[in-house]
């Protein structure tokens, strides 16, 4: 399968997951160990919403697990449009990537809860990433977590080239959280809503 076909399939998958945050589906939860050990056969698909997420059409190279090592990426700051790459990621602390949809109620709730606990997450980098229109993303934070988006350790990024789903992971639920260590290795990953205390604990894993 050539690269253009793989890219086309990946974009189709993205369109499907953007349509809903799958509010009625249970979350998936993986630590780095289970992520590395799980195979396509052992991955639990029972609770997933497969609308627009047809694995039978996925390219053979598309993994159901997140990238074990943080790959190269390019995103853009919401307000300034400045490029952000893996070279900008601090090498002395954990980095959390949160892929979200502004219209997802679980994403809204998580952002609100993180803002309430902002003092507990000051020692980790947090990158909020969305493939949506910047105006929608700006409205999301203005409404649900204005202080969080302005915290010194939080950056809101636009993934206008759909880099995340092409190189890191195609989640089946939002919000999708990924915790990478200072060494760039995946430490934890989960999709869907999670108790905020459990989430913060994983941020510091």
Protein backbone atom coordinates (compact mmCIF):
# COMPACT_ATOMS: atom_id res chain seq x y z
CA UNK A 1 0.00 0.00 0.00
CA UNK A 2 1.59 3.27 -1.02
CA UNK A 3 2.04 6.33 1.16
CA UNK A 4 -0.81 8.31 -0.44
CA UNK A 5 -3.31 5.54 0.27
CA UNK A 6 -2.10 5.22 3.87
CA UNK A 7 -2.46 8.98 4.35
CA UNK A 8 -5.95 8.90 2.85
CA UNK A 9 -7.06 6.14 5.20
CA UNK A 10 -5.58 7.99 8.18
CA UNK A 11 -7.45 11.19 7.29
CA UNK A 12 -10.66 9.19 6.95
CA UNK A 13 -10.14 7.80 10.43
CA UNK A 14 -9.63 11.32 11.74
CA UNK A 15 -12.92 12.46 10.23
CA UNK A 16 -14.69 9.68 12.07
CA UNK A 17 -13.28 10.41 15.52
CA UNK A 18 -13.90 14.14 15.15
CA UNK A 19 -17.62 13.54 14.81
CA UNK A 20 -18.11 12.56 18.45
CA UNK A 21 -16.34 12.14 21.77
CA UNK A 22 -18.29 8.89 22.25
CA UNK A 23 -19.94 10.06 25.46
CA UNK A 24 -21.65 6.75 26.13
CA UNK A 25 -18.62 4.54 25.69
CA UNK A 26 -16.25 3.42 28.47
CA UNK A 27 -12.71 4.73 28.42
CA UNK A 28 -9.68 2.70 27.48
CA UNK A 29 -6.71 2.86 29.78
CA UNK A 30 -3.16 1.70 29.14
CA UNK A 31 0.13 2.08 30.96
CA UNK A 32 3.34 2.01 28.98
CA UNK A 33 3.81 -1.67 29.75
CA UNK A 34 0.39 -2.73 28.54
CA UNK A 35 0.79 -0.46 25.54
CA UNK A 36 3.97 -2.20 24.47
CA UNK A 37 2.70 -5.71 25.19
CA UNK A 38 -0.78 -5.42 23.72
CA UNK A 39 -1.30 -6.63 20.18
CA UNK A 40 -4.08 -5.94 17.73
CA UNK A 41 -5.72 -9.23 18.72
CA UNK A 42 -5.69 -8.48 22.47
CA UNK A 43 -6.88 -4.87 22.12
CA UNK A 44 -10.40 -4.61 23.55
CA UNK A 45 -12.74 -3.23 20.90
CA UNK A 46 -15.97 -4.10 22.70
CA UNK A 47 -16.47 -0.62 24.15
CA UNK A 48 -15.40 1.37 21.11
CA UNK A 49 -17.65 3.31 18.81
CA UNK A 50 -16.55 2.15 15.37
CA UNK A 51 -18.57 4.66 13.38
CA UNK A 52 -16.03 6.14 11.00
CA UNK A 53 -13.33 4.00 12.62
CA UNK A 54 -13.26 0.86 10.45
CA UNK A 55 -10.19 -1.16 11.35
CA UNK A 56 -10.77 -3.53 8.44
CA UNK A 57 -9.85 -0.68 6.11
CA UNK A 58 -6.88 0.56 8.13
CA UNK A 59 -3.45 0.38 6.56
CA UNK A 60 -1.32 -2.56 7.78
CA UNK A 61 1.18 -0.11 9.24
CA UNK A 62 -1.49 1.62 11.39
CA UNK A 63 -1.01 0.52 15.01
CA UNK A 64 -3.78 0.46 17.59
CA UNK A 65 -1.20 1.50 20.20
CA UNK A 66 0.37 4.94 20.67
CA UNK A 67 3.96 5.59 19.63
CA UNK A 68 6.23 4.13 22.32
CA UNK A 69 8.82 6.85 21.63
CA UNK A 70 7.74 10.42 20.97
CA UNK A 71 8.21 10.97 17.22
CA UNK A 72 8.98 14.12 15.29
CA UNK A 73 6.00 16.48 15.08
CA UNK A 74 5.04 19.99 14.09
CA UNK A 75 2.09 21.81 15.64
CA UNK A 76 1.22 25.51 15.81
CA UNK A 77 0.49 27.72 18.81
CA UNK A 78 -3.16 28.74 18.94
CA UNK A 79 -2.69 32.48 19.37
CA UNK A 80 0.64 33.19 17.67
CA UNK A 81 0.81 30.50 15.00
CA UNK A 82 4.44 29.80 16.00
CA UNK A 83 5.66 26.32 15.13
CA UNK A 84 6.24 23.88 17.98
CA UNK A 85 8.25 20.70 17.41
CA UNK A 86 9.61 17.87 19.54
CA UNK A 87 12.77 19.96 19.95
CA UNK A 88 10.74 22.40 22.07
CA UNK A 89 9.68 19.72 24.56
CA UNK A 90 11.42 20.13 27.92
CA UNK A 91 13.82 17.28 28.62
CA UNK A 92 13.64 17.46 32.41
CA UNK A 93 10.01 16.58 33.13
CA UNK A 94 6.99 14.61 31.93
CA UNK A 95 5.04 15.94 28.98
CA UNK A 96 1.30 15.33 28.63
CA UNK A 97 -0.39 15.53 25.24
CA UNK A 98 -4.18 15.91 25.34
CA UNK A 99 -5.88 15.43 21.98
CA UNK A 100 -9.38 16.89 22.21
CA UNK A 101 -12.46 18.11 20.38
CA UNK A 102 -13.95 21.46 21.53
CA UNK A 103 -17.49 20.06 21.24
CA UNK A 104 -16.78 17.01 23.41
CA UNK A 105 -18.42 17.22 26.85
CA UNK A 106 -15.78 14.95 28.41
CA UNK A 107 -13.06 17.24 27.07
CA UNK A 108 -14.84 20.25 28.52
CA UNK A 109 -15.15 18.56 31.91
CA UNK A 110 -11.50 17.49 32.01
CA UNK A 111 -10.28 20.98 31.16
CA UNK A 112 -12.46 22.51 33.87
CA UNK A 113 -11.20 20.01 36.45
CA UNK A 114 -7.57 20.53 35.49
CA UNK A 115 -8.02 24.27 35.90
CA UNK A 116 -9.36 23.70 39.41
CA UNK A 117 -6.23 21.67 40.17
CA UNK A 118 -3.77 23.84 38.30
CA UNK A 119 -1.36 24.04 41.27
CA UNK A 120 -0.99 20.26 41.24
CA UNK A 121 0.17 20.07 37.63
CA UNK A 122 2.74 22.88 37.53
CA UNK A 123 5.66 20.46 37.29
CA UNK A 124 4.60 18.79 34.03
CA UNK A 125 4.37 20.13 30.48
CA UNK A 126 0.88 20.00 29.04
CA UNK A 127 0.15 20.31 25.34
CA UNK A 128 -3.51 20.61 24.40
CA UNK A 129 -3.86 19.64 20.74
CA UNK A 130 -6.84 19.98 18.41
CA UNK A 131 -7.41 19.49 14.68
CA UNK A 132 -10.41 21.84 14.83
CA UNK A 133 -10.79 25.42 13.69
CA UNK A 134 -8.74 27.79 15.91
CA UNK A 135 -11.82 29.89 16.65
CA UNK A 136 -13.58 26.86 18.15
CA UNK A 137 -10.52 25.99 20.22
CA UNK A 138 -10.24 29.55 21.51
CA UNK A 139 -13.92 29.52 22.45
CA UNK A 140 -13.44 26.21 24.25
CA UNK A 141 -10.79 27.62 26.59
CA UNK A 142 -12.48 30.99 27.02
CA UNK A 143 -15.58 29.14 28.20
CA UNK A 144 -14.29 26.15 30.16
CA UNK A 145 -10.69 26.80 31.27
CA UNK A 146 -9.41 30.34 30.62
CA UNK A 147 -6.77 30.21 33.37
CA UNK A 148 -5.52 26.79 32.32
CA UNK A 149 -4.78 27.91 28.77
CA UNK A 150 -2.69 30.82 30.07
CA UNK A 151 -0.60 28.78 32.55
CA UNK A 152 3.14 28.91 31.87
CA UNK A 153 3.41 25.11 31.52
CA UNK A 154 0.37 24.73 29.23
CA UNK A 155 0.38 25.29 25.49
CA UNK A 156 -2.66 25.09 23.21
CA UNK A 157 -1.68 23.85 19.77
CA UNK A 158 -3.43 23.48 16.44
CA UNK A 159 -2.67 20.35 14.44
CA UNK A 160 -3.59 21.72 11.03
CA UNK A 161 -1.68 18.99 9.17
CA UNK A 162 -3.21 16.13 11.20
CA UNK A 163 0.27 15.14 12.32
CA UNK A 164 -0.88 13.61 15.59
CA UNK A 165 -3.04 10.89 14.07
CA UNK A 166 -0.44 10.18 11.40
CA UNK A 167 2.56 9.76 13.69
CA UNK A 168 1.48 9.31 17.31
CA UNK A 169 -1.96 7.66 17.58
CA UNK A 170 -5.50 7.47 16.25
CA UNK A 171 -7.71 7.41 19.37
CA UNK A 172 -11.26 6.10 19.42
CA UNK A 173 -12.43 8.44 22.20
CA UNK A 174 -11.80 12.00 23.36
CA UNK A 175 -10.13 13.34 25.33
CA UNK A 176 -7.09 11.16 24.63
CA UNK A 177 -4.24 11.62 27.11
CA UNK A 178 -0.63 10.59 26.51
CA UNK A 179 2.12 10.92 29.13
CA UNK A 180 5.70 10.88 27.84
CA UNK A 181 8.70 10.95 30.16
CA UNK A 182 11.69 13.26 29.95
CA UNK A 183 13.41 10.51 27.94
CA UNK A 184 10.64 10.63 25.32
CA UNK A 185 9.21 7.22 26.24
CA UNK A 186 5.48 6.65 26.68
CA UNK A 187 4.55 6.21 30.35
CA UNK A 188 0.75 6.16 30.26
CA UNK A 189 -2.17 6.58 27.90
CA UNK A 190 -5.95 6.61 28.24
CA UNK A 191 -8.96 7.62 26.20
CA UNK A 192 -12.20 9.04 27.50
CA UNK A 193 -13.01 10.57 30.86
CA UNK A 194 -10.93 9.69 33.91
CA UNK A 195 -11.21 10.69 37.57
CA UNK A 196 -9.17 13.88 37.89
CA UNK A 197 -7.11 12.60 40.83
CA UNK A 198 -6.23 9.45 38.89
CA UNK A 199 -5.35 11.54 35.85
CA UNK A 200 -3.04 13.84 37.80
CA UNK A 201 -1.39 10.79 39.38
CA UNK A 202 -0.69 9.44 35.88
CA UNK A 203 0.68 12.83 34.80
CA UNK A 204 3.39 12.34 37.45
CA UNK A 205 3.95 8.65 36.72
